[in-house]
């Protein structure tokens, strides 16, 4: 099978340049790098912060940066970027790199857009708390939004499926009347010279049934919808921890086990690593054992299954992401692994991989697990009882007792049972 029968598409975050809104919300000169460099390890051997290597702390307003990214991506088998597109009722954010890319013949990389239609909040999770800028879904938004992306559709570099522009929507479930919205989008595209529009739903927050929203396909968006048990062994955190921890093999197998089949029309997605400590601190989601070898095997398997599930030109495999540095999720070279994740991408794409399975945690990673702290135990009890956010008294209790009873398993068990009874 030829390597070019699969097209690898990497999600691309354009938040690596200052904008007035971020200056106002986070302080003068804020960019994604501001979050990245302030991360600190949460346990022994924890790889944080993630720091760039070859490309440095770049500014996406510079064409030289984008050209270097494109050269690096193409050299390692990436066929296109999927740019996150931030549009709020006619107000665009982080758009300068995209607008300049559109006029720059030197940015010779195929691309598509993913409308990131979630609220911006201070907690970085799109929740309804502490909203910085919200999606208001005004009456004219449907037509205004599609008008804003049609210039991108007209660019010859824009990705298509059978001639139809390929557009991803991050949260189709947030559209008040998605089927009516989709009808308006398709009608306006026909007027603009596009008989068809291929709409793909990012599979976020359990929105499996993309067809009910009027969409043509789905795109996996790990770690969203990660439906597998968290790491069984406790992690010896240095601070109270209220997030979630998975093992890379378990997470990857969770997605690989999904049998979408040709009728489901779902594009597979892999991530090289995931650790959003830079954004979430002690509430982070951390995937241990995120090694280039394990990523290579997941990507290799995703490619193999895509060949089985899709015929013709629709063989896209997505990678989350090219440069989500604050999520600990990037293909760009870093100071820990160099270009190893990119090199793994090329081997998997070209069919030259010799990795035959997931590899267990190395000694450094293994040393982090096997011991426990009360904060971690309580955090998992809270999660098991469906609590998405911890109250102040819960956080204070876990923090205060963390060091006092960490070596008293019976006391910990009693507290877990007591809390479970209280939460019901």
Protein backbone atom coordinates (compact mmCIF):
# COMPACT_ATOMS: atom_id res chain seq x y z
CA UNK A 1 0.00 0.00 0.00
CA UNK A 2 1.36 3.40 -0.96
CA UNK A 3 2.17 5.79 1.84
CA UNK A 4 0.24 8.59 0.18
CA UNK A 5 -3.08 6.76 0.42
CA UNK A 6 -3.30 8.06 4.01
CA UNK A 7 -3.33 11.77 4.74
CA UNK A 8 -2.12 12.75 8.20
CA UNK A 9 -3.75 15.95 9.47
CA UNK A 10 -2.38 17.63 12.62
CA UNK A 11 -4.48 20.02 14.70
CA UNK A 12 -2.78 23.41 14.99
CA UNK A 13 -3.24 26.01 17.75
CA UNK A 14 -2.62 29.63 16.65
CA UNK A 15 -2.32 31.07 20.19
CA UNK A 16 1.41 31.77 20.03
CA UNK A 17 1.28 35.52 19.57
CA UNK A 18 -0.10 38.32 21.73
CA UNK A 19 -3.58 39.77 21.19
CA UNK A 20 -5.34 42.65 23.00
CA UNK A 21 -7.93 40.33 24.56
CA UNK A 22 -5.33 38.09 26.17
CA UNK A 23 -3.41 41.16 27.33
CA UNK A 24 -6.57 42.30 29.13
CA UNK A 25 -7.52 38.88 30.56
CA UNK A 26 -4.11 37.49 31.47
CA UNK A 27 -1.61 40.34 31.43
CA UNK A 28 0.45 42.23 28.87
CA UNK A 29 2.29 40.01 26.39
CA UNK A 30 0.45 36.80 27.27
CA UNK A 31 0.75 33.92 24.81
CA UNK A 32 0.48 30.16 25.17
CA UNK A 33 4.15 30.13 26.15
CA UNK A 34 3.23 32.00 29.35
CA UNK A 35 1.35 28.93 30.58
CA UNK A 36 3.95 26.47 29.31
CA UNK A 37 6.97 27.80 31.18
CA UNK A 38 5.27 28.09 34.58
CA UNK A 39 4.45 24.36 34.83
CA UNK A 40 6.18 22.40 37.59
CA UNK A 41 6.59 18.63 38.18
CA UNK A 42 3.86 17.09 40.34
CA UNK A 43 5.70 13.84 41.15
CA UNK A 44 9.20 12.41 40.91
CA UNK A 45 10.18 11.93 37.28
CA UNK A 46 7.27 14.03 36.01
CA UNK A 47 8.24 15.65 32.70
CA UNK A 48 7.25 19.28 33.17
CA UNK A 49 7.60 21.88 31.85
CA UNK A 50 7.58 20.93 28.17
CA UNK A 51 10.06 23.27 26.50
CA UNK A 52 10.61 23.72 22.75
CA UNK A 53 13.82 22.77 20.99
CA UNK A 54 14.35 23.36 17.26
CA UNK A 55 11.73 26.08 16.75
CA UNK A 56 12.21 27.85 20.08
CA UNK A 57 9.59 30.12 21.69
CA UNK A 58 8.24 31.27 18.37
CA UNK A 59 5.81 34.01 17.37
CA UNK A 60 3.23 32.96 14.76
CA UNK A 61 3.02 36.46 13.34
CA UNK A 62 6.35 35.73 11.62
CA UNK A 63 6.18 34.02 8.25
CA UNK A 64 9.60 32.51 8.87
CA UNK A 65 8.12 30.58 11.80
CA UNK A 66 5.26 29.17 9.76
CA UNK A 67 7.57 28.23 6.90
CA UNK A 68 9.87 26.37 9.30
CA UNK A 69 6.90 24.53 10.80
CA UNK A 70 5.66 23.51 7.36
CA UNK A 71 9.09 22.24 6.29
CA UNK A 72 9.42 20.21 9.47
CA UNK A 73 5.92 18.77 9.16
CA UNK A 74 6.23 17.82 5.50
CA UNK A 75 9.60 16.19 6.05
CA UNK A 76 8.02 13.83 8.58
CA UNK A 77 4.83 12.79 6.82
CA UNK A 78 2.30 15.42 7.94
CA UNK A 79 0.07 16.22 4.97
CA UNK A 80 -2.05 19.08 6.33
CA UNK A 81 -2.76 21.30 9.31
CA UNK A 82 -6.21 21.73 10.82
CA UNK A 83 -6.23 25.25 12.28
CA UNK A 84 -8.45 26.03 15.25
CA UNK A 85 -10.69 28.91 14.20
CA UNK A 86 -11.99 31.23 16.92
CA UNK A 87 -15.15 33.12 15.89
CA UNK A 88 -17.61 34.69 18.33
CA UNK A 89 -20.64 36.32 16.68
CA UNK A 90 -18.49 38.16 14.17
CA UNK A 91 -15.54 38.71 16.51
CA UNK A 92 -12.47 36.70 15.56
CA UNK A 93 -9.56 35.96 17.87
CA UNK A 94 -6.05 34.66 17.08
CA UNK A 95 -6.76 35.16 13.39
CA UNK A 96 -3.64 37.07 12.25
CA UNK A 97 -1.55 33.95 11.48
CA UNK A 98 -4.42 32.44 9.48
CA UNK A 99 -5.13 35.61 7.53
CA UNK A 100 -1.47 36.02 6.68
CA UNK A 101 -1.18 32.34 5.73
CA UNK A 102 -4.04 32.84 3.28
CA UNK A 103 -2.11 35.55 1.42
CA UNK A 104 1.29 33.84 1.66
CA UNK A 105 2.21 31.56 -1.23
CA UNK A 106 5.21 30.40 0.78
CA UNK A 107 2.91 28.71 3.31
CA UNK A 108 2.51 25.80 0.91
CA UNK A 109 0.70 23.44 3.28
CA UNK A 110 -2.80 22.02 2.72
CA UNK A 111 -5.14 22.94 5.55
CA UNK A 112 -8.66 22.90 6.90
CA UNK A 113 -10.46 24.63 9.75
CA UNK A 114 -11.95 23.48 13.04
CA UNK A 115 -14.42 26.00 14.45
CA UNK A 116 -13.59 26.08 18.17
CA UNK A 117 -17.13 27.02 19.18
CA UNK A 118 -16.79 26.80 22.95
CA UNK A 119 -16.72 29.55 25.52
CA UNK A 120 -13.36 30.91 26.62
CA UNK A 121 -13.09 30.66 30.39
CA UNK A 122 -10.49 31.19 33.07
CA UNK A 123 -10.41 27.45 33.72
CA UNK A 124 -9.43 26.59 30.13
CA UNK A 125 -12.16 23.95 29.85
CA UNK A 126 -15.03 25.71 28.10
CA UNK A 127 -17.26 25.50 31.19
CA UNK A 128 -19.87 28.05 32.16
CA UNK A 129 -17.81 29.41 35.06
CA UNK A 130 -15.74 32.60 34.78
CA UNK A 131 -16.51 33.17 31.10
CA UNK A 132 -14.15 35.53 29.29
CA UNK A 133 -15.97 35.49 25.95
CA UNK A 134 -19.07 33.46 25.18
CA UNK A 135 -20.79 32.09 22.12
CA UNK A 136 -24.09 33.96 22.03
CA UNK A 137 -25.70 32.25 19.00
CA UNK A 138 -27.31 35.41 17.67
CA UNK A 139 -29.96 35.22 14.90
CA UNK A 140 -27.53 36.24 12.15
CA UNK A 141 -24.64 34.08 13.34
CA UNK A 142 -25.30 31.11 11.04
CA UNK A 143 -24.85 33.08 7.83
CA UNK A 144 -22.17 35.37 9.27
CA UNK A 145 -20.04 32.43 10.36
CA UNK A 146 -20.11 30.58 7.05
CA UNK A 147 -19.41 33.86 5.23
CA UNK A 148 -16.26 34.22 7.33
CA UNK A 149 -14.84 30.84 6.26
CA UNK A 150 -15.79 30.84 2.57
CA UNK A 151 -12.60 32.78 1.64
CA UNK A 152 -10.62 29.89 3.14
CA UNK A 153 -12.70 27.34 1.20
CA UNK A 154 -11.79 29.15 -2.04
CA UNK A 155 -8.07 28.70 -1.44
CA UNK A 156 -6.61 25.86 -3.56
CA UNK A 157 -4.77 24.52 -0.51
CA UNK A 158 -8.01 23.88 1.39
CA UNK A 159 -8.78 20.20 2.10
CA UNK A 160 -11.76 18.70 0.33
CA UNK A 161 -13.51 15.34 0.13
CA UNK A 162 -14.80 14.66 -3.38
CA UNK A 163 -14.61 18.38 -4.04
CA UNK A 164 -16.50 19.39 -0.89
CA UNK A 165 -14.69 21.68 1.58
CA UNK A 166 -13.98 19.80 4.83
CA UNK A 167 -15.02 21.74 7.94
CA UNK A 168 -14.85 20.48 11.54
CA UNK A 169 -17.02 21.89 14.32
CA UNK A 170 -15.69 21.34 17.83
CA UNK A 171 -19.07 21.28 19.58
CA UNK A 172 -21.99 20.77 17.18
CA UNK A 173 -24.11 19.95 20.22
CA UNK A 174 -23.79 23.61 21.29
CA UNK A 175 -25.63 24.89 18.21
CA UNK A 176 -29.20 25.76 19.29
CA UNK A 177 -30.75 24.31 16.12
CA UNK A 178 -27.93 22.49 14.40
CA UNK A 179 -29.92 21.01 11.50
CA UNK A 180 -31.33 24.40 10.56
CA UNK A 181 -27.85 25.91 10.88
CA UNK A 182 -26.38 23.24 8.62
CA UNK A 183 -29.07 23.88 6.00
CA UNK A 184 -28.16 27.57 5.95
CA UNK A 185 -24.47 26.76 5.66
CA UNK A 186 -24.98 24.40 2.73
CA UNK A 187 -27.26 26.87 0.95
CA UNK A 188 -24.77 29.71 1.28
CA UNK A 189 -21.92 27.47 0.09
CA UNK A 190 -23.91 26.55 -3.01
CA UNK A 191 -24.36 30.25 -3.73
CA UNK A 192 -20.59 30.68 -3.36
CA UNK A 193 -19.86 27.92 -5.88
CA UNK A 194 -19.55 24.86 -3.63
CA UNK A 195 -22.31 22.36 -4.46
CA UNK A 196 -21.45 20.34 -1.37
CA UNK A 197 -19.96 20.93 2.08
CA UNK A 198 -18.51 18.10 4.17
CA UNK A 199 -19.21 18.76 7.84
CA UNK A 200 -17.41 16.73 10.47
CA UNK A 201 -18.19 16.77 14.19
CA UNK A 202 -15.33 16.67 16.66
CA UNK A 203 -16.39 13.90 19.02
CA UNK A 204 -16.34 15.84 22.28
CA UNK A 205 -18.41 15.49 25.43
CA UNK A 206 -20.07 12.24 24.35
CA UNK A 207 -21.64 13.57 21.14
CA UNK A 208 -21.34 10.23 19.37
CA UNK A 209 -24.40 10.64 17.16
CA UNK A 210 -23.06 13.28 14.79
CA UNK A 211 -25.75 12.56 12.20
CA UNK A 212 -28.45 13.89 14.50
CA UNK A 213 -26.79 17.30 14.14
CA UNK A 214 -26.89 17.10 10.34
CA UNK A 215 -23.18 16.32 9.97
CA UNK A 216 -21.53 13.96 7.49
CA UNK A 217 -18.81 12.43 9.65
CA UNK A 218 -17.13 12.44 13.03
CA UNK A 219 -13.53 13.00 14.12
CA UNK A 220 -12.21 11.38 17.28
CA UNK A 221 -10.83 13.99 19.64
CA UNK A 222 -8.81 12.23 22.34
CA UNK A 223 -8.69 12.51 25.26
CA UNK A 224 -12.37 13.52 24.94
CA UNK A 225 -14.74 10.58 25.43
CA UNK A 226 -11.97 8.52 26.99
CA UNK A 227 -14.03 5.71 28.46
CA UNK A 228 -11.52 3.49 30.22
CA UNK A 229 -10.50 3.05 33.86
CA UNK A 230 -7.97 5.46 35.26
CA UNK A 231 -4.57 4.17 36.32
CA UNK A 232 -5.06 1.54 39.02
CA UNK A 233 -1.77 2.10 40.80
CA UNK A 234 -1.59 5.25 42.94
CA UNK A 235 0.84 7.99 41.97
CA UNK A 236 3.01 9.51 44.67
CA UNK A 237 2.18 13.16 44.06
CA UNK A 238 4.23 15.88 45.71
CA UNK A 239 1.13 18.07 46.16
CA UNK A 240 -2.59 17.39 46.62
CA UNK A 241 -3.91 16.19 43.27
CA UNK A 242 -7.51 16.26 42.09
CA UNK A 243 -7.14 15.39 38.42
CA UNK A 244 -7.07 12.12 36.51
CA UNK A 245 -4.23 9.82 35.48
CA UNK A 246 -4.26 7.25 32.67
CA UNK A 247 -1.67 4.95 31.18
CA UNK A 248 -0.93 5.58 27.50
CA UNK A 249 -1.54 1.98 26.47
CA UNK A 250 -4.94 1.90 28.17
CA UNK A 251 -5.95 5.20 26.58
CA UNK A 252 -4.83 4.18 23.09
CA UNK A 253 -6.52 0.79 23.31
CA UNK A 254 -9.74 2.50 24.37
CA UNK A 255 -9.87 4.30 21.02
CA UNK A 256 -8.51 1.45 18.93
CA UNK A 257 -11.24 -0.80 20.32
CA UNK A 258 -13.92 1.39 18.77
CA UNK A 259 -15.41 -0.42 15.77
CA UNK A 260 -16.87 2.37 13.69
CA UNK A 261 -16.96 0.49 10.41
CA UNK A 262 -17.45 2.16 7.01
CA UNK A 263 -21.03 3.21 7.74
CA UNK A 264 -20.09 5.11 10.88
CA UNK A 265 -17.75 7.38 8.91
CA UNK A 266 -15.51 8.35 11.83
CA UNK A 267 -11.94 9.52 11.33
CA UNK A 268 -9.45 8.18 13.84
CA UNK A 269 -7.22 10.47 15.88
CA UNK A 270 -4.14 9.80 18.02
CA UNK A 271 -2.15 11.99 20.37
CA UNK A 272 1.63 11.82 20.96
CA UNK A 273 1.28 12.65 24.65
CA UNK A 274 -1.10 14.40 27.03
CA UNK A 275 -0.41 16.32 30.22
CA UNK A 276 -2.17 19.65 30.76
CA UNK A 277 -0.44 20.44 34.06
CA UNK A 278 0.65 23.79 32.58
CA UNK A 279 -3.00 24.85 32.40
CA UNK A 280 -4.69 22.91 35.18
CA UNK A 281 -2.03 22.31 37.84
CA UNK A 282 -3.30 19.87 40.46
CA UNK A 283 -6.48 19.28 38.43
CA UNK A 284 -4.61 18.11 35.35
CA UNK A 285 -5.29 15.14 33.13
CA UNK A 286 -2.05 13.21 32.79
CA UNK A 287 -1.31 10.26 30.53
CA UNK A 288 1.76 8.38 31.76
CA UNK A 289 4.15 6.50 29.48
CA UNK A 290 3.61 8.83 26.53
CA UNK A 291 6.70 7.71 24.66
CA UNK A 292 7.55 8.07 20.97
CA UNK A 293 7.47 4.25 20.66
CA UNK A 294 3.96 3.97 22.07
CA UNK A 295 2.74 6.84 19.93
CA UNK A 296 4.26 5.18 16.87
CA UNK A 297 2.35 1.97 17.56
CA UNK A 298 -0.96 3.77 18.12
CA UNK A 299 -0.51 5.76 14.91
CA UNK A 300 0.51 2.67 12.99
CA UNK A 301 -2.63 0.85 14.16
CA UNK A 302 -4.86 3.84 13.42
CA UNK A 303 -3.48 3.95 9.88
CA UNK A 304 -3.99 0.22 9.41
CA UNK A 305 -7.60 0.38 10.58
CA UNK A 306 -8.31 3.45 8.48
CA UNK A 307 -7.27 1.53 5.39
CA UNK A 308 -9.78 -1.14 6.33
CA UNK A 309 -12.59 1.27 7.13
CA UNK A 310 -12.32 3.82 4.32
CA UNK A 311 -12.10 3.57 0.57
CA UNK A 312 -11.07 6.23 -1.91
CA UNK A 313 -9.87 9.70 -0.95
CA UNK A 314 -11.38 9.85 2.54
CA UNK A 315 -8.42 8.28 4.29
CA UNK A 316 -7.66 10.97 6.87
CA UNK A 317 -5.96 10.21 10.20
CA UNK A 318 -5.78 13.12 12.63
CA UNK A 319 -3.11 13.89 15.20
CA UNK A 320 -3.88 15.94 18.30
CA UNK A 321 -1.76 17.99 18.04
CA UNK A 322 1.04 19.77 16.23
CA UNK A 323 1.62 22.39 18.93
CA UNK A 324 -0.65 22.15 21.99
CA UNK A 325 2.30 22.85 24.28
CA UNK A 326 0.28 23.75 27.36
CA UNK A 327 -1.61 20.47 27.00
CA UNK A 328 1.69 18.56 26.87
CA UNK A 329 0.59 17.44 23.43
CA UNK A 330 2.84 18.34 20.51
CA UNK A 331 4.77 16.89 17.60
CA UNK A 332 7.12 19.85 17.45
CA UNK A 333 10.57 18.97 18.86
CA UNK A 334 11.10 19.51 22.57
CA UNK A 335 14.09 19.40 24.90
CA UNK A 336 13.19 15.97 26.25
CA UNK A 337 12.60 13.93 23.10
CA UNK A 338 14.01 16.09 20.31
CA UNK A 339 12.33 15.14 17.03
CA UNK A 340 11.54 11.59 18.15
CA UNK A 341 7.75 11.98 17.84
CA UNK A 342 8.14 13.39 14.33
CA UNK A 343 10.47 10.57 13.36
CA UNK A 344 7.93 8.07 14.71
CA UNK A 345 5.27 9.77 12.58
CA UNK A 346 7.33 9.31 9.44
CA UNK A 347 8.00 5.61 10.14
CA UNK A 348 4.33 4.89 10.76
CA UNK A 349 3.27 6.81 7.67
CA UNK A 350 5.79 5.10 5.38
CA UNK A 351 5.16 1.60 6.74
CA UNK A 352 8.67 1.35 8.18
CA UNK A 353 7.75 0.92 11.81
CA UNK A 354 9.31 -1.99 13.68
CA UNK A 355 7.32 -1.40 16.89
CA UNK A 356 5.03 -4.38 17.38
CA UNK A 357 3.18 -3.37 20.52
CA UNK A 358 2.92 -0.95 23.41
CA UNK A 359 5.92 -0.89 25.69
CA UNK A 360 5.64 -0.84 29.50
CA UNK A 361 6.63 2.09 31.66
CA UNK A 362 10.34 2.60 32.05
CA UNK A 363 12.02 2.67 35.45
CA UNK A 364 11.58 6.43 35.90
CA UNK A 365 7.86 6.35 35.20
CA UNK A 366 7.36 3.20 37.25
CA UNK A 367 8.96 4.84 40.27
CA UNK A 368 6.18 7.40 40.31
CA UNK A 369 3.48 4.81 40.93
CA UNK A 370 2.89 2.23 43.59
CA UNK A 371 2.69 4.62 46.53
CA UNK A 372 -0.28 6.64 47.61
CA UNK A 373 -1.36 9.86 49.21
CA UNK A 374 -4.73 10.71 50.72
CA UNK A 375 -5.27 13.61 48.34
CA UNK A 376 -5.08 11.27 45.38
CA UNK A 377 -7.40 8.73 47.05
CA UNK A 378 -9.99 11.36 47.89
CA UNK A 379 -9.80 12.82 44.41
CA UNK A 380 -10.73 9.48 42.90
CA UNK A 381 -13.55 9.00 45.37
CA UNK A 382 -14.90 12.41 44.37
CA UNK A 383 -14.63 11.51 40.69
CA UNK A 384 -16.30 8.14 41.23
CA UNK A 385 -19.28 9.88 42.75
CA UNK A 386 -19.70 12.12 39.75
CA UNK A 387 -18.31 15.35 41.17
CA UNK A 388 -16.72 17.40 38.41
CA UNK A 389 -15.60 20.17 40.76
CA UNK A 390 -14.44 20.01 44.33
CA UNK A 391 -15.84 22.37 46.93
CA UNK A 392 -13.44 24.50 48.92
CA UNK A 393 -13.88 22.44 52.07
CA UNK A 394 -13.11 19.23 50.15
CA UNK A 395 -9.88 20.64 48.77
CA UNK A 396 -8.88 21.94 52.18
CA UNK A 397 -9.61 18.62 53.87
CA UNK A 398 -7.56 16.64 51.38
CA UNK A 399 -4.66 19.07 51.62
CA UNK A 400 -4.63 19.16 55.40
CA UNK A 401 -4.74 15.38 55.82
CA UNK A 402 -2.47 14.49 52.92
CA UNK A 403 0.72 14.02 54.95
CA UNK A 404 -0.89 12.98 58.22
CA UNK A 405 -2.46 9.68 57.19
CA UNK A 406 -0.72 8.76 53.94
CA UNK A 407 0.82 5.71 55.61
CA UNK A 408 -2.37 4.67 57.45
CA UNK A 409 -4.36 2.61 54.95
CA UNK A 410 -7.19 1.80 57.34
CA UNK A 411 -7.75 5.45 58.11
CA UNK A 412 -7.72 6.26 54.42
CA UNK A 413 -10.24 3.50 53.74
CA UNK A 414 -12.50 4.78 56.50
CA UNK A 415 -12.37 8.31 55.11
CA UNK A 416 -13.13 7.07 51.61
CA UNK A 417 -16.18 5.17 52.85
CA UNK A 418 -17.31 8.11 54.96
CA UNK A 419 -17.07 10.48 52.05
CA UNK A 420 -18.85 8.02 49.76
CA UNK A 421 -21.72 7.80 52.25
CA UNK A 422 -21.95 11.58 52.50
CA UNK A 423 -22.00 12.05 48.73
CA UNK A 424 -24.48 9.21 48.29
